[in-house]
Amino acid sequence: MPSTTTTYGTITSNPTTFPSHAKHTRRPWPELFSLSSFCLPISAGDAKARIKINLSYFRVNYVIIALTILFLTLLWHPTSMIVFLITFIFWWFLYLFNDNPVVIFNRPVDDNVVLGVLSFATVLLLVLTHVGINVLVGLIIGVVVVGIHAAFRGTEDLGFPGEEEENGLLSVVGSQPLRPTSGYNRI
């Protein structure tokens, strides 16, 4: 049996035990649509960086927007709307408003896996109701709307979610360290 005591100065942590579920949260809608946060990106690289940060920070909000757009493309297909509403119940309980990670066989499931499985199941079930072109159009419109928003929404006021995911800690000050930290282990 391994010893559970540690010596002074050692940090025992296993970063693989923290699921990515703790990283995503539904953000307030006024924060998402804050008009003062919108500006043109300086370059294509800046737009790409904004998209990456905004997709990470507003992940759940963007999923809700994409699902709403997909729902609107199904308005004249009642059978498909019923199928969508059934799958939306799974979205609701497993992803959108779930405060705990999904656990299968006593193992937490990564949020990216839950997102992928729910997305695949939703698209597959809707295509089986013979509205494939509507689903395709809805997904394209959703990706374009989310992509444009993510590219034009500034990231200066978001609290640097990339640092939170990378380091496991969120810097309150948001400044660079005074001394180089190349000789130290990151916590």
N, C-alpha and C. Protein backbone atom coordinates (compact mmCIF):
# COMPACT_ATOMS: atom_id res chain seq x y z
N MET A 1 0.86 -1.18 0.00
CA MET A 1 0.00 0.00 0.00
C MET A 1 0.89 1.23 0.00
N PRO A 2 0.70 2.16 -0.92
CA PRO A 2 1.55 3.34 -0.98
C PRO A 2 1.31 4.25 0.22
N SER A 3 2.35 4.95 0.59
CA SER A 3 2.27 5.86 1.72
C SER A 3 1.48 7.11 1.34
N THR A 4 0.64 7.56 2.26
CA THR A 4 -0.16 8.75 1.99
C THR A 4 0.45 9.99 2.60
N THR A 5 1.56 9.84 3.31
CA THR A 5 2.20 11.01 3.90
C THR A 5 3.14 11.63 2.89
N THR A 6 3.29 12.92 2.98
CA THR A 6 4.18 13.63 2.07
C THR A 6 5.19 14.40 2.89
N THR A 7 6.31 14.68 2.28
CA THR A 7 7.33 15.46 2.94
C THR A 7 7.10 16.92 2.64
N TYR A 8 7.67 17.77 3.48
CA TYR A 8 7.50 19.20 3.31
C TYR A 8 8.10 19.64 1.98
N GLY A 9 7.35 20.41 1.22
CA GLY A 9 7.85 20.94 -0.03
C GLY A 9 7.40 20.17 -1.25
N THR A 10 6.80 19.00 -1.07
CA THR A 10 6.33 18.27 -2.23
C THR A 10 4.86 18.56 -2.46
N ILE A 11 4.50 18.57 -3.69
CA ILE A 11 3.12 18.82 -4.06
C ILE A 11 2.61 17.56 -4.75
N THR A 12 1.62 16.96 -4.16
CA THR A 12 1.06 15.75 -4.75
C THR A 12 -0.24 16.12 -5.43
N SER A 13 -0.23 16.04 -6.72
CA SER A 13 -1.45 16.28 -7.48
C SER A 13 -1.40 15.46 -8.74
N ASN A 14 -2.53 15.10 -9.18
CA ASN A 14 -2.64 14.36 -10.42
C ASN A 14 -3.54 15.15 -11.34
N PRO A 15 -2.97 15.91 -12.31
CA PRO A 15 -3.81 16.77 -13.13
C PRO A 15 -4.81 16.02 -13.99
N THR A 16 -4.63 14.73 -14.19
CA THR A 16 -5.57 14.01 -15.02
C THR A 16 -6.86 13.69 -14.28
N THR A 17 -6.89 13.89 -12.95
CA THR A 17 -8.12 13.58 -12.22
C THR A 17 -9.13 14.70 -12.28
N PHE A 18 -8.73 15.88 -12.73
CA PHE A 18 -9.65 17.00 -12.81
C PHE A 18 -10.32 16.98 -14.17
N PRO A 19 -11.62 16.72 -14.22
CA PRO A 19 -12.29 16.71 -15.52
C PRO A 19 -12.42 18.12 -16.07
N SER A 20 -12.56 18.21 -17.38
CA SER A 20 -12.70 19.52 -18.00
C SER A 20 -14.06 20.14 -17.70
N HIS A 21 -14.94 19.38 -17.03
CA HIS A 21 -16.26 19.90 -16.71
C HIS A 21 -16.17 21.17 -15.87
N ALA A 22 -15.15 21.23 -15.00
CA ALA A 22 -15.01 22.41 -14.15
C ALA A 22 -14.63 23.64 -14.95
N LYS A 23 -14.22 23.46 -16.18
CA LYS A 23 -13.76 24.57 -17.00
C LYS A 23 -14.88 25.26 -17.75
N HIS A 24 -16.01 24.63 -17.89
CA HIS A 24 -17.07 25.27 -18.66
C HIS A 24 -18.24 25.64 -17.77
N THR A 25 -18.77 26.78 -18.03
CA THR A 25 -19.91 27.30 -17.31
C THR A 25 -20.72 28.16 -18.27
N ARG A 26 -22.01 28.21 -18.04
CA ARG A 26 -22.81 29.14 -18.82
C ARG A 26 -22.56 30.53 -18.28
N ARG A 27 -22.09 31.40 -19.15
CA ARG A 27 -21.76 32.77 -18.76
C ARG A 27 -23.00 33.65 -18.88
N PRO A 28 -23.04 34.77 -18.17
CA PRO A 28 -24.20 35.67 -18.26
C PRO A 28 -24.38 36.21 -19.68
N TRP A 29 -25.61 36.26 -20.14
CA TRP A 29 -25.89 36.72 -21.50
C TRP A 29 -25.47 38.17 -21.73
N PRO A 30 -25.65 39.08 -20.75
CA PRO A 30 -25.16 40.45 -20.99
C PRO A 30 -23.64 40.51 -21.21
N GLU A 31 -22.91 39.61 -20.58
CA GLU A 31 -21.46 39.56 -20.81
C GLU A 31 -21.16 39.10 -22.23
N LEU A 32 -21.94 38.17 -22.73
CA LEU A 32 -21.74 37.67 -24.09
C LEU A 32 -22.03 38.74 -25.13
N PHE A 33 -23.07 39.54 -24.89
CA PHE A 33 -23.49 40.54 -25.87
C PHE A 33 -23.12 41.97 -25.49
N SER A 34 -22.13 42.15 -24.65
CA SER A 34 -21.69 43.48 -24.25
C SER A 34 -21.16 44.24 -25.47
N LEU A 35 -21.88 45.30 -25.87
CA LEU A 35 -21.51 46.03 -27.08
C LEU A 35 -20.14 46.69 -26.98
N SER A 36 -19.72 47.04 -25.78
CA SER A 36 -18.42 47.68 -25.62
C SER A 36 -17.27 46.69 -25.85
N SER A 37 -17.56 45.41 -25.90
CA SER A 37 -16.51 44.40 -26.09
C SER A 37 -16.26 44.06 -27.55
N PHE A 38 -17.08 44.59 -28.46
CA PHE A 38 -16.93 44.26 -29.86
C PHE A 38 -16.00 45.25 -30.55
N CYS A 39 -15.05 44.72 -31.30
CA CYS A 39 -14.16 45.54 -32.12
C CYS A 39 -13.55 44.65 -33.20
N LEU A 40 -13.03 45.29 -34.23
CA LEU A 40 -12.42 44.54 -35.32
C LEU A 40 -11.10 43.91 -34.87
N PRO A 41 -10.85 42.67 -35.25
CA PRO A 41 -9.55 42.09 -34.95
C PRO A 41 -8.46 42.76 -35.78
N ILE A 42 -7.27 42.85 -35.23
CA ILE A 42 -6.16 43.53 -35.90
C ILE A 42 -5.67 42.73 -37.10
N SER A 43 -5.62 41.41 -36.94
CA SER A 43 -5.11 40.56 -38.01
C SER A 43 -5.86 39.22 -37.98
N ALA A 44 -5.53 38.37 -38.93
CA ALA A 44 -6.13 37.04 -38.96
C ALA A 44 -5.68 36.22 -37.75
N GLY A 45 -4.45 36.42 -37.32
CA GLY A 45 -3.95 35.73 -36.13
C GLY A 45 -4.70 36.17 -34.88
N ASP A 46 -5.01 37.47 -34.80
CA ASP A 46 -5.77 37.98 -33.67
C ASP A 46 -7.19 37.40 -33.69
N ALA A 47 -7.79 37.32 -34.86
CA ALA A 47 -9.13 36.74 -34.98
C ALA A 47 -9.12 35.27 -34.56
N LYS A 48 -8.09 34.54 -34.98
CA LYS A 48 -7.98 33.13 -34.61
C LYS A 48 -7.82 32.97 -33.10
N ALA A 49 -7.01 33.82 -32.48
CA ALA A 49 -6.82 33.76 -31.03
C ALA A 49 -8.11 34.11 -30.30
N ARG A 50 -8.83 35.12 -30.80
CA ARG A 50 -10.12 35.49 -30.18
C ARG A 50 -11.11 34.34 -30.28
N ILE A 51 -11.18 33.71 -31.44
CA ILE A 51 -12.11 32.59 -31.62
C ILE A 51 -11.79 31.48 -30.64
N LYS A 52 -10.51 31.17 -30.49
CA LYS A 52 -10.10 30.09 -29.59
C LYS A 52 -10.48 30.42 -28.14
N ILE A 53 -10.20 31.64 -27.70
CA ILE A 53 -10.50 32.03 -26.32
C ILE A 53 -12.00 32.13 -26.09
N ASN A 54 -12.71 32.77 -27.02
CA ASN A 54 -14.15 32.93 -26.85
C ASN A 54 -14.89 31.59 -26.90
N LEU A 55 -14.46 30.67 -27.77
CA LEU A 55 -15.09 29.36 -27.82
C LEU A 55 -14.89 28.62 -26.50
N SER A 56 -13.75 28.80 -25.90
CA SER A 56 -13.49 28.16 -24.61
C SER A 56 -14.30 28.81 -23.50
N TYR A 57 -14.34 30.12 -23.49
CA TYR A 57 -14.99 30.86 -22.40
C TYR A 57 -16.51 30.80 -22.48
N PHE A 58 -17.06 30.96 -23.68
CA PHE A 58 -18.52 31.00 -23.86
C PHE A 58 -19.05 29.69 -24.45
N ARG A 59 -18.42 28.57 -24.18
CA ARG A 59 -18.75 27.29 -24.80
C ARG A 59 -20.23 26.95 -24.65
N VAL A 60 -20.75 26.99 -23.45
CA VAL A 60 -22.14 26.59 -23.22
C VAL A 60 -23.10 27.57 -23.89
N ASN A 61 -22.79 28.87 -23.83
CA ASN A 61 -23.64 29.87 -24.49
C ASN A 61 -23.68 29.63 -25.99
N TYR A 62 -22.55 29.32 -26.59
CA TYR A 62 -22.51 29.06 -28.02
C TYR A 62 -23.28 27.79 -28.38
N VAL A 63 -23.23 26.78 -27.52
CA VAL A 63 -24.00 25.56 -27.77
C VAL A 63 -25.50 25.88 -27.74
N ILE A 64 -25.92 26.71 -26.79
CA ILE A 64 -27.33 27.09 -26.71
C ILE A 64 -27.75 27.86 -27.96
N ILE A 65 -26.90 28.77 -28.43
CA ILE A 65 -27.20 29.53 -29.65
C ILE A 65 -27.31 28.59 -30.85
N ALA A 66 -26.37 27.66 -30.99
CA ALA A 66 -26.39 26.74 -32.13
C ALA A 66 -27.63 25.83 -32.07
N LEU A 67 -27.99 25.35 -30.88
CA LEU A 67 -29.18 24.51 -30.75
C LEU A 67 -30.45 25.30 -31.06
N THR A 68 -30.49 26.58 -30.68
CA THR A 68 -31.65 27.41 -30.98
C THR A 68 -31.79 27.61 -32.49
N ILE A 69 -30.69 27.87 -33.16
CA ILE A 69 -30.72 28.03 -34.62
C ILE A 69 -31.15 26.73 -35.29
N LEU A 70 -30.63 25.61 -34.79
CA LEU A 70 -31.03 24.32 -35.34
C LEU A 70 -32.52 24.08 -35.12
N PHE A 71 -33.03 24.44 -33.96
CA PHE A 71 -34.47 24.30 -33.68
C PHE A 71 -35.30 25.15 -34.63
N LEU A 72 -34.85 26.37 -34.90
CA LEU A 72 -35.61 27.26 -35.79
C LEU A 72 -35.67 26.72 -37.23
N THR A 73 -34.67 25.94 -37.65
CA THR A 73 -34.72 25.36 -38.99
C THR A 73 -35.70 24.19 -39.08
N LEU A 74 -36.19 23.73 -37.93
CA LEU A 74 -37.11 22.58 -37.91
C LEU A 74 -38.56 22.98 -37.66
N LEU A 75 -38.87 24.26 -37.71
CA LEU A 75 -40.21 24.72 -37.33
C LEU A 75 -41.34 24.11 -38.15
N TRP A 76 -41.13 23.80 -39.41
CA TRP A 76 -42.19 23.27 -40.26
C TRP A 76 -42.13 21.76 -40.39
N HIS A 77 -41.44 21.10 -39.48
CA HIS A 77 -41.33 19.64 -39.47
C HIS A 77 -41.64 19.13 -38.06
N PRO A 78 -42.92 18.88 -37.77
CA PRO A 78 -43.32 18.54 -36.39
C PRO A 78 -42.65 17.27 -35.84
N THR A 79 -42.48 16.25 -36.67
CA THR A 79 -41.84 15.03 -36.18
C THR A 79 -40.40 15.31 -35.78
N SER A 80 -39.71 16.07 -36.58
CA SER A 80 -38.32 16.41 -36.27
C SER A 80 -38.23 17.28 -35.04
N MET A 81 -39.21 18.15 -34.83
CA MET A 81 -39.21 18.99 -33.63
C MET A 81 -39.39 18.14 -32.37
N ILE A 82 -40.21 17.12 -32.45
CA ILE A 82 -40.41 16.23 -31.31
C ILE A 82 -39.11 15.48 -31.01
N VAL A 83 -38.46 14.97 -32.05
CA VAL A 83 -37.18 14.28 -31.87
C VAL A 83 -36.15 15.25 -31.29
N PHE A 84 -36.12 16.47 -31.79
CA PHE A 84 -35.17 17.46 -31.28
C PHE A 84 -35.45 17.77 -29.81
N LEU A 85 -36.71 17.93 -29.44
CA LEU A 85 -37.04 18.23 -28.05
C LEU A 85 -36.64 17.08 -27.12
N ILE A 86 -36.77 15.85 -27.60
CA ILE A 86 -36.33 14.70 -26.80
C ILE A 86 -34.82 14.73 -26.62
N THR A 87 -34.09 15.01 -27.70
CA THR A 87 -32.62 15.09 -27.56
C THR A 87 -32.22 16.31 -26.74
N PHE A 88 -33.02 17.37 -26.80
CA PHE A 88 -32.70 18.55 -26.01
C PHE A 88 -32.82 18.26 -24.52
N ILE A 89 -33.68 17.36 -24.13
CA ILE A 89 -33.77 16.96 -22.72
C ILE A 89 -32.43 16.35 -22.28
N PHE A 90 -31.84 15.53 -23.14
CA PHE A 90 -30.52 14.97 -22.82
C PHE A 90 -29.46 16.07 -22.76
N TRP A 91 -29.52 17.02 -23.70
CA TRP A 91 -28.60 18.16 -23.66
C TRP A 91 -28.75 18.88 -22.33
N TRP A 92 -29.98 19.13 -21.92
CA TRP A 92 -30.25 19.88 -20.70
C TRP A 92 -29.63 19.21 -19.49
N PHE A 93 -29.90 17.91 -19.33
CA PHE A 93 -29.46 17.21 -18.12
C PHE A 93 -27.99 16.78 -18.16
N LEU A 94 -27.47 16.51 -19.33
CA LEU A 94 -26.09 16.01 -19.40
C LEU A 94 -25.05 17.08 -19.67
N TYR A 95 -25.45 18.25 -20.21
CA TYR A 95 -24.43 19.22 -20.59
C TYR A 95 -24.75 20.65 -20.18
N LEU A 96 -25.90 21.16 -20.54
CA LEU A 96 -26.16 22.59 -20.39
C LEU A 96 -26.28 23.04 -18.94
N PHE A 97 -27.01 22.32 -18.13
CA PHE A 97 -27.23 22.75 -16.76
C PHE A 97 -26.85 21.67 -15.76
N ASN A 98 -25.82 20.93 -16.06
CA ASN A 98 -25.33 19.89 -15.18
C ASN A 98 -24.13 20.43 -14.42
N ASP A 99 -24.22 20.48 -13.09
CA ASP A 99 -23.13 21.01 -12.29
C ASP A 99 -22.08 19.97 -11.96
N ASN A 100 -22.37 18.72 -12.18
CA ASN A 100 -21.43 17.64 -11.88
C ASN A 100 -21.02 16.95 -13.17
N PRO A 101 -19.82 16.39 -13.21
CA PRO A 101 -19.43 15.67 -14.42
C PRO A 101 -20.26 14.40 -14.60
N VAL A 102 -20.45 14.02 -15.85
CA VAL A 102 -21.16 12.78 -16.16
C VAL A 102 -20.25 11.62 -15.76
N VAL A 103 -20.80 10.66 -15.01
CA VAL A 103 -20.01 9.53 -14.53
C VAL A 103 -20.61 8.25 -15.10
N ILE A 104 -19.75 7.47 -15.76
CA ILE A 104 -20.15 6.17 -16.31
C ILE A 104 -19.19 5.13 -15.77
N PHE A 105 -19.71 4.09 -15.14
CA PHE A 105 -18.91 3.05 -14.52
C PHE A 105 -17.89 3.64 -13.53
N ASN A 106 -18.35 4.55 -12.71
CA ASN A 106 -17.54 5.20 -11.67
C ASN A 106 -16.35 5.99 -12.22
N ARG A 107 -16.42 6.41 -13.46
CA ARG A 107 -15.37 7.22 -14.07
C ARG A 107 -15.99 8.48 -14.66
N PRO A 108 -15.41 9.64 -14.34
CA PRO A 108 -15.95 10.88 -14.94
C PRO A 108 -15.64 10.93 -16.43
N VAL A 109 -16.62 11.38 -17.18
CA VAL A 109 -16.48 11.49 -18.63
C VAL A 109 -16.12 12.94 -18.97
N ASP A 110 -15.12 13.12 -19.82
CA ASP A 110 -14.68 14.44 -20.23
C ASP A 110 -15.80 15.18 -20.95
N ASP A 111 -15.88 16.48 -20.72
CA ASP A 111 -16.93 17.29 -21.34
C ASP A 111 -16.86 17.28 -22.86
N ASN A 112 -15.68 17.22 -23.41
CA ASN A 112 -15.56 17.17 -24.87
C ASN A 112 -16.19 15.90 -25.42
N VAL A 113 -16.08 14.80 -24.70
CA VAL A 113 -16.70 13.55 -25.12
C VAL A 113 -18.22 13.67 -25.04
N VAL A 114 -18.74 14.24 -23.94
CA VAL A 114 -20.18 14.44 -23.80
C VAL A 114 -20.70 15.34 -24.92
N LEU A 115 -19.98 16.44 -25.19
CA LEU A 115 -20.38 17.35 -26.26
C LEU A 115 -20.39 16.64 -27.61
N GLY A 116 -19.36 15.86 -27.90
CA GLY A 116 -19.29 15.15 -29.17
C GLY A 116 -20.38 14.11 -29.33
N VAL A 117 -20.63 13.33 -28.29
CA VAL A 117 -21.66 12.28 -28.36
C VAL A 117 -23.05 12.90 -28.51
N LEU A 118 -23.34 13.94 -27.73
CA LEU A 118 -24.64 14.60 -27.85
C LEU A 118 -24.81 15.24 -29.23
N SER A 119 -23.77 15.87 -29.75
CA SER A 119 -23.85 16.48 -31.08
C SER A 119 -24.10 15.42 -32.15
N PHE A 120 -23.33 14.34 -32.10
CA PHE A 120 -23.48 13.27 -33.08
C PHE A 120 -24.87 12.65 -33.00
N ALA A 121 -25.35 12.38 -31.79
CA ALA A 121 -26.66 11.76 -31.62
C ALA A 121 -27.77 12.68 -32.12
N THR A 122 -27.65 13.98 -31.84
CA THR A 122 -28.68 14.93 -32.30
C THR A 122 -28.73 14.98 -33.81
N VAL A 123 -27.58 15.12 -34.45
CA VAL A 123 -27.55 15.19 -35.91
C VAL A 123 -28.04 13.88 -36.52
N LEU A 124 -27.60 12.75 -36.00
CA LEU A 124 -28.01 11.45 -36.53
C LEU A 124 -29.52 11.25 -36.40
N LEU A 125 -30.08 11.53 -35.23
CA LEU A 125 -31.52 11.35 -35.05
C LEU A 125 -32.33 12.29 -35.93
N LEU A 126 -31.86 13.51 -36.11
CA LEU A 126 -32.59 14.44 -36.98
C LEU A 126 -32.48 14.04 -38.45
N VAL A 127 -31.33 13.54 -38.86
CA VAL A 127 -31.19 13.08 -40.26
C VAL A 127 -32.08 11.88 -40.51
N LEU A 128 -32.27 11.03 -39.51
CA LEU A 128 -33.15 9.87 -39.67
C LEU A 128 -34.62 10.28 -39.84
N THR A 129 -34.96 11.52 -39.48
CA THR A 129 -36.34 12.01 -39.69
C THR A 129 -36.47 12.71 -41.04
N HIS A 130 -35.50 12.55 -41.91
CA HIS A 130 -35.51 13.04 -43.29
C HIS A 130 -35.51 14.57 -43.39
N VAL A 131 -34.77 15.21 -42.53
CA VAL A 131 -34.59 16.66 -42.62
C VAL A 131 -33.10 16.99 -42.68
N GLY A 132 -32.37 16.16 -43.41
CA GLY A 132 -30.92 16.32 -43.50
C GLY A 132 -30.48 17.69 -43.99
N ILE A 133 -31.16 18.21 -45.02
CA ILE A 133 -30.77 19.51 -45.56
C ILE A 133 -31.05 20.62 -44.55
N ASN A 134 -32.14 20.51 -43.79
CA ASN A 134 -32.44 21.51 -42.75
C ASN A 134 -31.38 21.47 -41.65
N VAL A 135 -30.97 20.28 -41.26
CA VAL A 135 -29.93 20.14 -40.24
C VAL A 135 -28.63 20.74 -40.75
N LEU A 136 -28.28 20.45 -42.00
CA LEU A 136 -27.04 20.99 -42.58
C LEU A 136 -27.08 22.52 -42.63
N VAL A 137 -28.19 23.07 -43.07
CA VAL A 137 -28.32 24.53 -43.14
C VAL A 137 -28.26 25.14 -41.73
N GLY A 138 -28.96 24.52 -40.79
CA GLY A 138 -28.94 25.02 -39.41
C GLY A 138 -27.56 24.98 -38.80
N LEU A 139 -26.82 23.89 -39.05
CA LEU A 139 -25.46 23.80 -38.52
C LEU A 139 -24.53 24.81 -39.16
N ILE A 140 -24.67 25.02 -40.47
CA ILE A 140 -23.83 26.01 -41.16
C ILE A 140 -24.12 27.42 -40.63
N ILE A 141 -25.40 27.75 -40.50
CA ILE A 141 -25.75 29.08 -39.97
C ILE A 141 -25.23 29.22 -38.54
N GLY A 142 -25.39 28.19 -37.72
CA GLY A 142 -24.90 28.22 -36.34
C GLY A 142 -23.40 28.43 -36.26
N VAL A 143 -22.64 27.71 -37.09
CA VAL A 143 -21.19 27.86 -37.09
C VAL A 143 -20.78 29.25 -37.54
N VAL A 144 -21.45 29.78 -38.56
CA VAL A 144 -21.13 31.12 -39.05
C VAL A 144 -21.44 32.18 -37.99
N VAL A 145 -22.62 32.10 -37.37
CA VAL A 145 -23.00 33.08 -36.35
C VAL A 145 -22.04 33.04 -35.16
N VAL A 146 -21.76 31.84 -34.67
CA VAL A 146 -20.85 31.69 -33.54
C VAL A 146 -19.44 32.13 -33.92
N GLY A 147 -18.99 31.78 -35.12
CA GLY A 147 -17.64 32.17 -35.56
C GLY A 147 -17.49 33.68 -35.70
N ILE A 148 -18.50 34.33 -36.26
CA ILE A 148 -18.43 35.80 -36.40
C ILE A 148 -18.44 36.46 -35.03
N HIS A 149 -19.31 35.99 -34.15
CA HIS A 149 -19.34 36.58 -32.80
C HIS A 149 -18.01 36.36 -32.10
N ALA A 150 -17.47 35.16 -32.17
CA ALA A 150 -16.21 34.86 -31.48
C ALA A 150 -15.05 35.67 -32.04
N ALA A 151 -15.07 35.95 -33.34
CA ALA A 151 -13.98 36.71 -33.95
C ALA A 151 -14.05 38.19 -33.61
N PHE A 152 -15.24 38.74 -33.48
CA PHE A 152 -15.38 40.18 -33.25
C PHE A 152 -15.52 40.57 -31.78
N ARG A 153 -15.76 39.61 -30.90
CA ARG A 153 -15.86 39.95 -29.49
C ARG A 153 -14.46 39.95 -28.89
N GLY A 154 -14.09 41.08 -28.29
CA GLY A 154 -12.78 41.21 -27.67
C GLY A 154 -12.64 40.29 -26.48
N THR A 155 -11.41 39.95 -26.13
CA THR A 155 -11.16 39.01 -25.04
C THR A 155 -10.45 39.65 -23.86
N GLU A 156 -10.30 40.96 -23.87
CA GLU A 156 -9.54 41.62 -22.81
C GLU A 156 -10.22 41.54 -21.46
N ASP A 157 -11.54 41.45 -21.43
CA ASP A 157 -12.27 41.47 -20.16
C ASP A 157 -12.73 40.08 -19.70
N LEU A 158 -12.16 39.02 -20.25
CA LEU A 158 -12.66 37.68 -19.94
C LEU A 158 -11.94 36.99 -18.79
N GLY A 159 -10.86 37.51 -18.28
CA GLY A 159 -10.17 36.85 -17.19
C GLY A 159 -9.20 35.79 -17.64
N PHE A 160 -8.79 35.81 -18.90
CA PHE A 160 -7.77 34.92 -19.43
C PHE A 160 -8.07 33.46 -19.15
N PRO A 161 -9.12 32.89 -19.77
CA PRO A 161 -9.45 31.50 -19.51
C PRO A 161 -8.37 30.53 -19.98
N GLY A 162 -7.54 30.92 -20.91
CA GLY A 162 -6.45 30.04 -21.36
C GLY A 162 -5.47 29.78 -20.24
N GLU A 163 -5.18 30.79 -19.42
CA GLU A 163 -4.28 30.60 -18.29
C GLU A 163 -4.92 29.70 -17.26
N GLU A 164 -6.22 29.85 -17.06
CA GLU A 164 -6.91 29.02 -16.08
C GLU A 164 -6.83 27.55 -16.47
N GLU A 165 -7.01 27.26 -17.75
CA GLU A 165 -6.96 25.88 -18.20
C GLU A 165 -5.54 25.35 -18.18
N GLU A 166 -4.58 26.19 -18.53
CA GLU A 166 -3.21 25.73 -18.62
C GLU A 166 -2.58 25.53 -17.26
N ASN A 167 -2.76 26.46 -16.35
CA ASN A 167 -2.10 26.41 -15.06
C ASN A 167 -2.95 25.78 -13.97
N GLY A 168 -4.23 25.74 -14.15
CA GLY A 168 -5.09 25.24 -13.10
C GLY A 168 -5.46 26.33 -12.11
N LEU A 169 -4.85 27.49 -12.21
CA LEU A 169 -5.13 28.62 -11.33
C LEU A 169 -5.44 29.84 -12.17
N LEU A 170 -6.21 30.73 -11.64
CA LEU A 170 -6.55 31.95 -12.35
C LEU A 170 -5.82 33.11 -11.69
N SER A 171 -5.03 33.83 -12.46
CA SER A 171 -4.31 34.96 -11.93
C SER A 171 -5.27 36.12 -11.74
N VAL A 172 -5.32 36.65 -10.53
CA VAL A 172 -6.20 37.77 -10.25
C VAL A 172 -5.63 39.05 -10.84
N VAL A 173 -4.32 39.20 -10.74
CA VAL A 173 -3.68 40.41 -11.21
C VAL A 173 -3.53 40.39 -12.72
N GLY A 174 -3.21 39.24 -13.29
CA GLY A 174 -3.09 39.12 -14.73
C GLY A 174 -1.79 39.69 -15.26
N SER A 175 -0.78 39.83 -14.44
CA SER A 175 0.49 40.39 -14.90
C SER A 175 1.53 39.29 -15.04
N GLN A 176 2.61 39.61 -15.70
CA GLN A 176 3.71 38.68 -15.89
C GLN A 176 4.55 38.60 -14.61
N PRO A 177 5.20 37.47 -14.34
CA PRO A 177 6.04 37.37 -13.15
C PRO A 177 7.26 38.29 -13.27
N LEU A 178 7.75 38.75 -12.13
CA LEU A 178 8.89 39.65 -12.12
C LEU A 178 10.18 38.93 -12.46
N ARG A 179 10.31 37.69 -11.99
CA ARG A 179 11.51 36.90 -12.27
C ARG A 179 11.15 35.77 -13.22
N PRO A 180 12.11 35.33 -14.03
CA PRO A 180 11.81 34.18 -14.89
C PRO A 180 11.57 32.95 -14.04
N THR A 181 10.59 32.16 -14.45
CA THR A 181 10.23 30.96 -13.68
C THR A 181 10.66 29.68 -14.36
N SER A 182 11.68 29.75 -15.20
CA SER A 182 12.07 28.56 -15.95
C SER A 182 12.66 27.48 -15.06
N GLY A 183 13.22 27.83 -13.91
CA GLY A 183 13.83 26.84 -13.04
C GLY A 183 12.88 26.26 -12.02
N TYR A 184 11.61 26.66 -12.03
CA TYR A 184 10.65 26.21 -11.03
C TYR A 184 9.59 25.35 -11.66
N ASN A 185 9.03 24.47 -10.85
CA ASN A 185 7.91 23.67 -11.31
C ASN A 185 6.64 24.48 -11.23
N ARG A 186 5.77 24.32 -12.21
CA ARG A 186 4.50 25.01 -12.22
C ARG A 186 3.53 24.28 -11.30
N ILE A 187 2.73 25.03 -10.60
CA ILE A 187 1.74 24.42 -9.70
C ILE A 187 0.40 24.42 -10.37
